[in-house]
Amino acid sequence: LTCQVFVHAGATLTIEAGTTIMAYPDDGTESGKAPSLVVERGARIEAVGTAESPITFTSALSAVNLPARGLWGGLILLGRSTVHGYETAPF
């Protein structure tokens, strides 16, 4: 990933077992947005890894360039579900 990637409502992203998704620390622009995978409300992600073929999200940087954390924005799921005992999130 080199930018923020959005899976829009009505779309399905399928990630096969054994897939490795690599990301850079920022998008290389002045805004410095962290590359991330964002699954919007109404979109789907189908990703089933196994112990033998896991799905891995990691940095695209080599091990010698890795700090402890903060290398990319992550996997963001924008949905509607129970949060801390609420039927729907109060925000």
Protein backbone atom coordinates (compact mmCIF):
# COMPACT_ATOMS: atom_id res chain seq x y z
CA LEU A 1 0.00 0.00 0.00
CA THR A 2 1.28 3.44 -0.90
CA CYS A 3 -1.91 5.38 -0.15
CA GLN A 4 -5.25 5.11 1.62
CA VAL A 5 -7.31 2.45 -0.16
CA PHE A 6 -11.09 2.47 0.34
CA VAL A 7 -13.49 -0.42 -0.21
CA HIS A 8 -16.78 1.38 -0.89
CA ALA A 9 -20.31 0.33 0.05
CA GLY A 10 -21.55 -2.47 -2.18
CA ALA A 11 -18.03 -3.68 -3.04
CA THR A 12 -16.29 -6.81 -1.73
CA LEU A 13 -12.55 -7.12 -1.23
CA THR A 14 -11.35 -10.73 -1.24
CA ILE A 15 -7.95 -11.51 0.24
CA GLU A 16 -6.75 -15.05 -0.42
CA ALA A 17 -5.04 -17.23 2.18
CA GLY A 18 -1.27 -16.78 2.07
CA THR A 19 -1.45 -13.14 0.94
CA THR A 20 1.03 -10.62 2.34
CA ILE A 21 0.01 -6.96 2.17
CA MET A 22 2.92 -4.55 2.52
CA ALA A 23 2.63 -0.84 3.24
CA TYR A 24 4.89 2.19 3.38
CA PRO A 25 5.00 4.62 6.35
CA ASP A 26 3.32 7.51 4.46
CA ASP A 27 1.93 8.31 1.04
CA GLY A 28 4.93 10.41 -0.01
CA THR A 29 2.92 13.64 -0.27
CA GLU A 30 3.07 16.79 1.83
CA SER A 31 0.03 15.63 3.79
CA GLY A 32 1.94 12.51 4.86
CA LYS A 33 -1.22 10.39 5.13
CA ALA A 34 -0.53 6.92 6.44
CA PRO A 35 -1.34 4.24 3.87
CA SER A 36 -4.21 2.12 5.13
CA LEU A 37 -6.96 -0.21 4.01
CA VAL A 38 -10.38 1.25 4.88
CA VAL A 39 -13.49 -0.92 4.56
CA GLU A 40 -16.49 1.42 4.60
CA ARG A 41 -19.91 0.66 6.06
CA GLY A 42 -21.84 -1.44 3.57
CA ALA A 43 -18.68 -2.90 2.01
CA ARG A 44 -17.38 -6.40 2.65
CA ILE A 45 -14.02 -7.94 3.28
CA GLU A 46 -13.63 -11.68 2.81
CA ALA A 47 -10.31 -12.83 4.18
CA VAL A 48 -9.76 -16.32 5.56
CA GLY A 49 -6.20 -17.35 6.29
CA THR A 50 -5.01 -20.56 7.89
CA ALA A 51 -2.16 -21.49 10.20
CA GLU A 52 -0.31 -22.80 7.16
CA SER A 53 -1.27 -19.86 4.90
CA PRO A 54 -1.88 -16.77 7.04
CA ILE A 55 -2.90 -13.36 5.74
CA THR A 56 -0.19 -10.94 6.84
CA PHE A 57 -0.16 -7.13 7.00
CA THR A 58 3.37 -5.74 7.37
CA SER A 59 5.76 -2.95 6.43
CA ALA A 60 7.34 -2.73 2.99
CA LEU A 61 10.56 -1.49 4.62
CA SER A 62 13.44 -3.87 5.20
CA ALA A 63 14.04 -5.17 8.71
CA VAL A 64 17.03 -2.86 9.26
CA ASN A 65 14.77 0.19 8.69
CA LEU A 66 11.99 -0.91 11.01
CA PRO A 67 11.18 1.10 14.11
CA ALA A 68 9.11 -0.54 16.83
CA ARG A 69 5.79 0.77 15.49
CA GLY A 70 3.98 3.38 13.43
CA LEU A 71 4.85 2.24 9.93
CA TRP A 72 1.42 2.41 8.34
CA GLY A 73 -2.20 3.27 9.08
CA GLY A 74 -3.58 -0.25 9.39
CA LEU A 75 -6.82 -2.01 8.57
CA ILE A 76 -9.82 0.18 9.39
CA LEU A 77 -13.34 -1.28 9.51
CA LEU A 78 -16.16 1.29 9.44
CA GLY A 79 -19.25 -0.62 10.38
CA ARG A 80 -22.18 -0.70 12.71
CA SER A 81 -21.86 -3.10 15.60
CA THR A 82 -22.01 -3.34 19.36
CA VAL A 83 -19.40 -1.18 21.08
CA HIS A 84 -18.80 -1.51 24.83
CA GLY A 85 -22.26 -2.87 25.48
CA TYR A 86 -24.15 -0.35 23.33
CA GLU A 87 -26.46 -1.68 20.63
CA THR A 88 -24.97 0.92 18.29
CA ALA A 89 -22.07 3.24 18.91
CA PRO A 90 -23.17 6.53 20.58
CA PHE A 91 -21.04 8.61 18.21
